N, C-alpha and C. Protein backbone atom coordinates (compact mmCIF):
# COMPACT_ATOMS: atom_id res chain seq x y z
N MET A 1 93.44 -3.05 -14.15
CA MET A 1 92.48 -2.46 -13.71
C MET A 1 91.45 -2.64 -14.29
N ASN A 2 90.16 -1.73 -13.36
CA ASN A 2 89.04 -1.64 -13.96
C ASN A 2 88.88 -0.45 -14.44
N SER A 3 87.33 -0.58 -16.21
CA SER A 3 87.32 0.94 -16.57
C SER A 3 86.58 2.35 -15.36
N ALA A 4 86.06 1.69 -14.70
CA ALA A 4 85.55 2.99 -13.80
C ALA A 4 87.14 3.37 -13.24
N HIS A 5 88.50 2.72 -12.42
CA HIS A 5 89.55 3.30 -12.10
C HIS A 5 89.67 3.79 -13.16
N ASP A 6 89.86 3.91 -14.50
CA ASP A 6 91.35 4.24 -15.59
C ASP A 6 89.94 5.78 -15.56
N ILE A 7 88.75 5.60 -15.80
CA ILE A 7 88.03 6.85 -16.04
C ILE A 7 88.20 7.70 -15.32
N THR A 8 87.88 7.30 -13.51
CA THR A 8 88.41 7.86 -12.50
C THR A 8 89.80 9.09 -12.50
N THR A 9 91.02 8.32 -12.85
CA THR A 9 92.40 8.10 -12.72
C THR A 9 92.26 10.13 -13.75
N LEU A 10 91.74 9.61 -14.93
CA LEU A 10 91.93 10.18 -16.35
C LEU A 10 91.16 11.83 -15.72
N ALA A 11 90.11 11.67 -15.11
CA ALA A 11 89.05 12.71 -14.77
C ALA A 11 90.15 13.43 -13.30
N GLY A 12 90.26 12.84 -12.73
CA GLY A 12 91.39 13.56 -11.47
C GLY A 12 93.00 14.24 -12.24
N ARG A 13 93.08 13.37 -12.76
CA ARG A 13 94.56 14.38 -13.72
C ARG A 13 94.30 15.35 -14.67
N ILE A 14 92.99 15.07 -15.26
CA ILE A 14 92.16 16.21 -15.80
C ILE A 14 91.77 17.82 -15.02
N LEU A 15 91.55 17.55 -13.64
CA LEU A 15 91.02 18.16 -13.05
C LEU A 15 92.08 19.37 -11.82
N ILE A 16 93.15 18.17 -11.96
CA ILE A 16 94.05 18.55 -10.74
C ILE A 16 95.22 19.56 -12.02
N SER A 17 95.22 19.09 -12.54
CA SER A 17 96.18 19.87 -14.30
C SER A 17 96.12 20.91 -14.41
N VAL A 18 94.13 21.75 -14.49
CA VAL A 18 93.52 22.82 -14.91
C VAL A 18 94.18 23.96 -13.76
N ILE A 19 94.11 23.50 -12.44
CA ILE A 19 94.45 24.96 -11.33
C ILE A 19 96.43 24.86 -11.94
N PHE A 20 97.11 24.24 -12.49
CA PHE A 20 98.80 24.69 -13.01
C PHE A 20 98.43 25.53 -13.61
N LEU A 21 97.29 24.87 -15.37
CA LEU A 21 97.50 25.23 -16.42
C LEU A 21 97.04 26.80 -16.77
N ILE A 22 95.85 27.05 -15.77
CA ILE A 22 95.26 28.52 -15.90
C ILE A 22 96.33 29.21 -14.32
N SER A 23 96.97 29.10 -13.78
CA SER A 23 97.34 29.63 -13.07
C SER A 23 99.02 30.60 -13.98
N GLY A 24 99.43 29.41 -14.82
CA GLY A 24 100.65 29.11 -16.00
C GLY A 24 100.61 30.18 -17.00
N PHE A 25 99.14 30.29 -17.24
CA PHE A 25 99.08 31.30 -18.64
C PHE A 25 98.84 32.86 -17.80
N PHE A 26 98.02 32.72 -16.53
CA PHE A 26 98.23 33.87 -16.08
C PHE A 26 99.44 34.16 -15.29
N LYS A 27 100.57 33.82 -15.29
CA LYS A 27 101.67 34.06 -14.94
C LYS A 27 102.65 34.91 -15.95
N VAL A 28 102.18 34.10 -17.62
CA VAL A 28 102.63 34.20 -18.71
C VAL A 28 101.74 35.36 -19.04
N GLY A 29 100.16 35.71 -18.92
CA GLY A 29 99.94 36.75 -19.28
C GLY A 29 99.77 38.28 -18.58
N GLY A 30 100.02 37.81 -17.37
CA GLY A 30 100.09 39.07 -16.43
C GLY A 30 101.66 39.08 -15.87
N TYR A 31 102.49 38.60 -16.57
CA TYR A 31 103.96 38.82 -16.09
C TYR A 31 104.13 39.71 -15.33
N ALA A 32 103.97 41.42 -15.95
CA ALA A 32 104.67 42.32 -15.28
C ALA A 32 103.80 42.41 -13.83
N GLN A 33 102.59 42.49 -13.43
CA GLN A 33 102.08 42.23 -12.50
C GLN A 33 102.36 41.29 -11.17
N MET A 34 102.67 39.75 -11.86
CA MET A 34 103.25 39.35 -11.15
C MET A 34 104.49 39.29 -10.58
N VAL A 35 105.63 40.33 -11.97
CA VAL A 35 106.52 40.90 -10.98
C VAL A 35 106.52 41.43 -9.69
N GLY A 36 105.96 42.32 -10.13
CA GLY A 36 105.67 43.72 -9.20
C GLY A 36 104.83 42.83 -7.73
N TYR A 37 104.17 41.89 -7.82
CA TYR A 37 103.44 41.52 -6.09
C TYR A 37 104.69 40.28 -5.86
N ALA A 38 105.29 39.71 -6.82
CA ALA A 38 106.39 38.87 -6.19
C ALA A 38 107.67 40.28 -5.46
N ALA A 39 107.68 41.24 -5.90
CA ALA A 39 108.93 42.07 -5.17
C ALA A 39 108.16 42.46 -4.09
N VAL A 40 106.83 42.81 -3.80
CA VAL A 40 106.28 43.60 -3.25
C VAL A 40 106.34 41.89 -1.26
N VAL A 41 106.63 41.17 -2.23
CA VAL A 41 106.47 40.03 -0.70
C VAL A 41 108.01 40.22 -0.86
N HIS A 42 109.13 40.55 -1.45
CA HIS A 42 110.01 40.45 -1.21
C HIS A 42 110.91 38.60 -1.75
N LEU A 43 110.37 38.18 -3.11
CA LEU A 43 110.90 36.97 -3.37
C LEU A 43 112.20 37.87 -3.96
N PRO A 44 113.37 36.59 -3.96
CA PRO A 44 115.03 37.28 -4.68
C PRO A 44 114.32 36.80 -6.48
N ALA A 45 114.66 37.75 -7.25
CA ALA A 45 115.06 37.32 -8.49
C ALA A 45 113.63 37.79 -8.92
N PRO A 46 112.48 38.49 -8.53
CA PRO A 46 110.94 38.39 -9.04
C PRO A 46 111.18 37.95 -10.37
N GLY A 47 111.27 38.78 -11.46
CA GLY A 47 111.41 38.44 -13.00
C GLY A 47 111.82 37.20 -13.00
N VAL A 48 113.04 36.35 -12.48
CA VAL A 48 113.03 34.87 -12.76
C VAL A 48 112.10 33.98 -11.94
N ALA A 49 112.03 33.93 -10.52
CA ALA A 49 111.31 33.54 -10.44
C ALA A 49 109.56 33.60 -10.82
N ILE A 50 108.95 34.79 -11.58
CA ILE A 50 108.09 34.12 -12.08
C ILE A 50 108.22 33.41 -12.80
N ALA A 51 109.02 33.34 -13.89
CA ALA A 51 108.99 32.86 -15.25
C ALA A 51 109.50 31.40 -14.90
N ALA A 52 109.82 31.17 -13.71
CA ALA A 52 110.65 29.75 -13.50
C ALA A 52 109.33 29.06 -13.17
N ALA A 53 108.19 29.72 -12.33
CA ALA A 53 106.99 29.31 -11.92
C ALA A 53 106.13 29.00 -12.93
N ALA A 54 106.15 30.08 -13.64
CA ALA A 54 104.80 29.81 -15.47
C ALA A 54 105.46 28.46 -15.26
N ALA A 55 106.82 28.44 -16.22
CA ALA A 55 107.33 27.03 -16.62
C ALA A 55 106.81 25.77 -16.24
N VAL A 56 107.25 25.89 -14.64
CA VAL A 56 106.72 24.56 -13.79
C VAL A 56 105.36 24.09 -14.13
N GLU A 57 104.48 25.30 -13.87
CA GLU A 57 103.23 25.14 -13.51
C GLU A 57 102.89 24.65 -15.09
N LEU A 58 103.34 25.02 -16.20
CA LEU A 58 102.82 25.16 -17.56
C LEU A 58 103.25 23.89 -18.02
N ALA A 59 104.80 23.41 -17.68
CA ALA A 59 105.32 22.42 -18.00
C ALA A 59 104.02 21.23 -17.32
N CYS A 60 104.42 20.95 -16.22
CA CYS A 60 103.95 19.63 -15.56
C CYS A 60 102.34 19.80 -15.46
N GLY A 61 101.65 20.59 -15.17
CA GLY A 61 100.38 21.07 -15.54
C GLY A 61 99.65 19.93 -17.23
N LEU A 62 101.05 20.35 -17.99
CA LEU A 62 100.82 19.64 -19.57
C LEU A 62 100.96 18.81 -19.54
N ALA A 63 102.35 17.96 -18.89
CA ALA A 63 102.17 16.47 -18.31
C ALA A 63 101.18 15.94 -17.65
N ILE A 64 100.83 16.23 -16.56
CA ILE A 64 100.01 15.60 -16.01
C ILE A 64 98.49 15.40 -16.62
N LEU A 65 98.07 16.03 -17.64
CA LEU A 65 97.15 16.27 -18.18
C LEU A 65 96.95 15.27 -19.19
N ALA A 66 98.32 15.40 -19.90
CA ALA A 66 98.60 14.11 -21.00
C ALA A 66 98.89 12.73 -20.35
N GLY A 67 99.21 12.63 -19.32
CA GLY A 67 99.88 11.82 -18.99
C GLY A 67 101.31 10.78 -18.94
N PHE A 68 102.10 11.94 -19.15
CA PHE A 68 103.24 11.91 -19.38
C PHE A 68 104.71 12.32 -18.40
N LYS A 69 105.30 11.07 -18.05
CA LYS A 69 106.09 11.58 -16.72
C LYS A 69 105.23 12.06 -15.39
N THR A 70 104.38 11.05 -15.33
CA THR A 70 103.20 11.78 -13.98
C THR A 70 103.63 11.62 -13.02
N ARG A 71 104.42 10.82 -12.49
CA ARG A 71 105.22 10.72 -11.06
C ARG A 71 106.22 11.53 -11.03
N PHE A 72 106.96 11.98 -11.90
CA PHE A 72 107.71 12.93 -12.03
C PHE A 72 107.05 13.89 -11.46
N ALA A 73 106.53 14.47 -12.84
CA ALA A 73 105.54 15.98 -12.79
C ALA A 73 105.12 16.10 -11.57
N ALA A 74 104.55 15.19 -10.95
CA ALA A 74 103.22 15.25 -9.40
C ALA A 74 104.84 15.85 -8.49
N TRP A 75 105.67 15.23 -8.51
CA TRP A 75 106.54 15.50 -7.12
C TRP A 75 107.33 16.60 -7.57
N LEU A 76 107.66 17.18 -8.87
CA LEU A 76 107.83 18.26 -8.91
C LEU A 76 106.76 19.13 -8.46
N LEU A 77 105.21 19.37 -8.79
CA LEU A 77 104.90 19.95 -8.38
C LEU A 77 104.68 19.95 -6.87
N PHE A 78 104.32 19.17 -6.79
CA PHE A 78 104.82 18.94 -4.81
C PHE A 78 105.54 19.74 -4.44
N LEU A 79 106.89 19.42 -4.58
CA LEU A 79 107.94 20.54 -4.19
C LEU A 79 108.03 21.48 -4.18
N TYR A 80 107.62 21.74 -5.65
CA TYR A 80 107.07 23.14 -5.69
C TYR A 80 105.97 23.99 -4.83
N LEU A 81 105.28 23.61 -4.65
CA LEU A 81 103.90 23.86 -3.70
C LEU A 81 104.26 24.04 -2.35
N ILE A 82 105.75 23.49 -1.90
CA ILE A 82 105.98 24.10 -0.30
C ILE A 82 106.66 25.26 -0.20
N PRO A 83 107.56 26.18 -0.75
CA PRO A 83 107.85 26.84 -0.71
C PRO A 83 106.81 27.72 -1.26
N VAL A 84 106.17 28.16 -2.29
CA VAL A 84 104.49 28.38 -2.63
C VAL A 84 103.61 29.15 -1.28
N THR A 85 103.23 27.80 -1.04
CA THR A 85 102.10 27.70 0.15
C THR A 85 102.66 29.00 1.11
N TYR A 86 103.94 28.07 1.98
CA TYR A 86 104.70 29.19 2.99
C TYR A 86 104.72 30.46 2.57
N PHE A 87 105.30 30.79 1.57
CA PHE A 87 105.85 31.99 1.46
C PHE A 87 104.64 33.34 1.22
N PHE A 88 103.92 32.41 0.05
CA PHE A 88 102.40 33.79 -0.40
C PHE A 88 101.12 33.17 0.42
N HIS A 89 100.84 32.38 1.44
CA HIS A 89 99.98 31.85 1.80
C HIS A 89 100.13 31.94 3.02
N ASN A 90 100.36 33.11 3.46
CA ASN A 90 100.91 32.73 5.11
C ASN A 90 100.02 33.38 5.87
N PHE A 91 99.14 32.83 6.45
CA PHE A 91 98.28 33.28 6.68
C PHE A 91 98.11 33.67 8.42
N TRP A 92 99.66 33.49 8.75
CA TRP A 92 100.15 33.15 10.53
C TRP A 92 100.16 35.20 10.13
N ALA A 93 100.29 35.39 9.10
CA ALA A 93 101.16 37.19 9.25
C ALA A 93 100.04 38.22 9.13
N VAL A 94 99.15 37.78 8.83
CA VAL A 94 97.88 38.81 8.81
C VAL A 94 96.80 38.87 9.20
N GLN A 95 95.63 39.58 9.45
CA GLN A 95 95.07 39.82 10.29
C GLN A 95 93.71 40.04 9.28
N GLY A 96 92.36 39.40 9.50
CA GLY A 96 91.48 39.41 9.57
C GLY A 96 90.60 38.87 8.26
N GLN A 97 89.99 39.75 7.26
CA GLN A 97 89.98 39.04 5.75
C GLN A 97 90.71 38.57 5.60
N GLU A 98 91.69 39.17 5.10
CA GLU A 98 92.67 38.80 4.21
C GLU A 98 93.37 37.49 5.09
N GLN A 99 93.48 37.41 6.30
CA GLN A 99 93.84 36.00 6.66
C GLN A 99 92.94 34.77 6.74
N GLN A 100 92.14 35.48 6.98
CA GLN A 100 90.84 34.23 6.39
C GLN A 100 91.52 33.72 4.71
N ILE A 101 91.46 34.83 3.58
CA ILE A 101 91.37 34.25 2.20
C ILE A 101 92.99 33.65 2.79
N GLN A 102 93.88 34.09 2.86
CA GLN A 102 95.29 33.51 2.98
C GLN A 102 94.89 31.95 3.53
N MET A 103 94.34 31.51 4.10
CA MET A 103 94.27 30.12 4.84
C MET A 103 93.24 29.38 4.06
N VAL A 104 92.51 30.16 3.56
CA VAL A 104 92.23 29.04 2.31
C VAL A 104 92.80 29.08 1.29
N ASN A 105 93.53 29.93 0.91
CA ASN A 105 94.36 29.12 -0.09
C ASN A 105 95.48 28.21 0.18
N PHE A 106 96.23 28.73 1.79
CA PHE A 106 96.92 27.63 2.05
C PHE A 106 96.35 26.16 2.30
N LEU A 107 94.90 25.96 2.54
CA LEU A 107 94.62 24.74 2.56
C LEU A 107 94.37 24.48 1.63
N LYS A 108 93.79 24.93 0.08
CA LYS A 108 93.55 24.26 -0.65
C LYS A 108 95.32 24.22 -1.58
N ASN A 109 96.34 24.51 -1.15
CA ASN A 109 97.73 24.49 -1.77
C ASN A 109 97.49 22.84 -1.02
N VAL A 110 97.46 22.82 0.07
CA VAL A 110 97.63 21.66 1.10
C VAL A 110 96.96 20.63 0.38
N ALA A 111 96.05 20.49 0.20
CA ALA A 111 94.97 19.44 -0.47
C ALA A 111 95.11 19.13 -1.82
N ILE A 112 95.90 19.88 -2.31
CA ILE A 112 96.33 19.72 -3.85
C ILE A 112 97.62 19.08 -3.54
N MET A 113 98.16 19.34 -2.93
CA MET A 113 99.39 18.64 -2.37
C MET A 113 99.18 16.90 -2.17
N GLY A 114 97.87 17.16 -1.54
CA GLY A 114 97.71 15.29 -1.19
C GLY A 114 97.29 14.51 -2.69
N GLY A 115 96.40 15.43 -3.23
CA GLY A 115 96.19 14.75 -4.75
C GLY A 115 97.09 14.43 -5.23
N LEU A 116 98.22 15.45 -5.06
CA LEU A 116 99.73 15.11 -6.24
C LEU A 116 100.61 14.04 -5.51
N LEU A 117 100.38 13.86 -4.18
CA LEU A 117 101.18 12.57 -3.84
C LEU A 117 100.25 11.45 -3.99
N VAL A 118 99.26 11.45 -4.09
CA VAL A 118 98.40 9.81 -4.47
C VAL A 118 98.86 9.74 -6.07
N LEU A 119 98.83 11.15 -6.63
CA LEU A 119 99.33 10.97 -8.58
C LEU A 119 100.91 9.88 -8.71
N SER A 120 101.20 10.68 -7.49
CA SER A 120 102.91 10.51 -7.71
C SER A 120 102.58 8.98 -7.63
N VAL A 121 102.30 8.28 -6.65
CA VAL A 121 102.11 6.74 -5.80
C VAL A 121 101.57 6.12 -7.09
N ASN A 122 100.18 6.49 -7.37
CA ASN A 122 99.64 5.58 -8.58
C ASN A 122 100.05 5.43 -9.73
N GLY A 123 100.23 6.90 -9.90
CA GLY A 123 101.12 7.12 -11.54
C GLY A 123 99.44 7.46 -13.04
N ALA A 124 99.51 7.74 -14.17
CA ALA A 124 98.56 7.79 -14.84
C ALA A 124 97.48 7.52 -15.22
N GLY A 125 97.41 5.99 -14.59
CA GLY A 125 96.31 5.50 -15.36
C GLY A 125 96.81 4.84 -16.89
N THR A 126 95.83 4.08 -17.12
CA THR A 126 95.23 3.63 -18.43
C THR A 126 95.77 4.41 -19.31
N TYR A 127 94.65 5.40 -19.75
CA TYR A 127 94.69 6.84 -20.42
C TYR A 127 95.29 7.85 -20.45
N SER A 128 96.87 6.94 -20.51
CA SER A 128 97.62 8.40 -20.39
C SER A 128 98.78 8.11 -21.62
N ALA A 129 100.01 8.65 -21.85
CA ALA A 129 100.86 8.97 -22.41
C ALA A 129 101.87 7.50 -21.87
N ASP A 130 102.07 7.90 -20.42
CA ASP A 130 102.66 6.93 -19.45
C ASP A 130 102.03 5.10 -20.00
N GLY A 131 100.62 5.47 -19.91
CA GLY A 131 99.85 3.86 -19.79
C GLY A 131 100.10 3.31 -21.21
N LYS A 132 100.12 4.37 -22.55
CA LYS A 132 100.79 3.36 -23.65
C LYS A 132 102.13 2.92 -24.06
N LEU A 133 102.53 4.13 -23.28
CA LEU A 133 104.31 3.57 -23.49
C LEU A 133 104.50 2.22 -22.34
N ALA A 134 103.97 2.37 -21.40
CA ALA A 134 103.96 1.05 -20.66
C ALA A 134 103.56 -0.30 -20.90
N LYS A 135 103.00 -0.12 -22.07
CA LYS A 135 102.01 -1.28 -23.38
C LYS A 135 103.11 -1.91 -23.91
N LYS A 136 103.47 -0.77 -24.82
CA LYS A 136 104.99 -0.96 -25.32
C LYS A 136 106.06 -2.14 -25.52
N GLY A 137 106.56 -1.93 -23.61
CA GLY A 137 107.31 -2.05 -23.46
C GLY A 137 107.45 -3.45 -22.72
């Protein structure tokens, strides 16, 4: 690949990892509040669910940032976002301003899922742990 492709892939990984890292840190820092919200939307075992969500977001966000096991992390986040998007951004179940907010969040997640699919197919690129491991092999 060329240098512009490698730099663009690195920039894309950094940008897509940010939302998961920040979201994961917010879940850890505001754990009690997040568990309360999860209980309101009738998420089963809200404490376990929020802890698992934080773990997935942080671990996969870091993996994508570092470019380590990138394809796996991208697929895992893609699959994770399916129920998250459906249950937490169900714009069809609300009205007014809340419907617009949830639709924007739904569409944001769909766009992120698209980026994750591209990353899962194309991989992490040269400037990554995966790239370094491939050179050794």
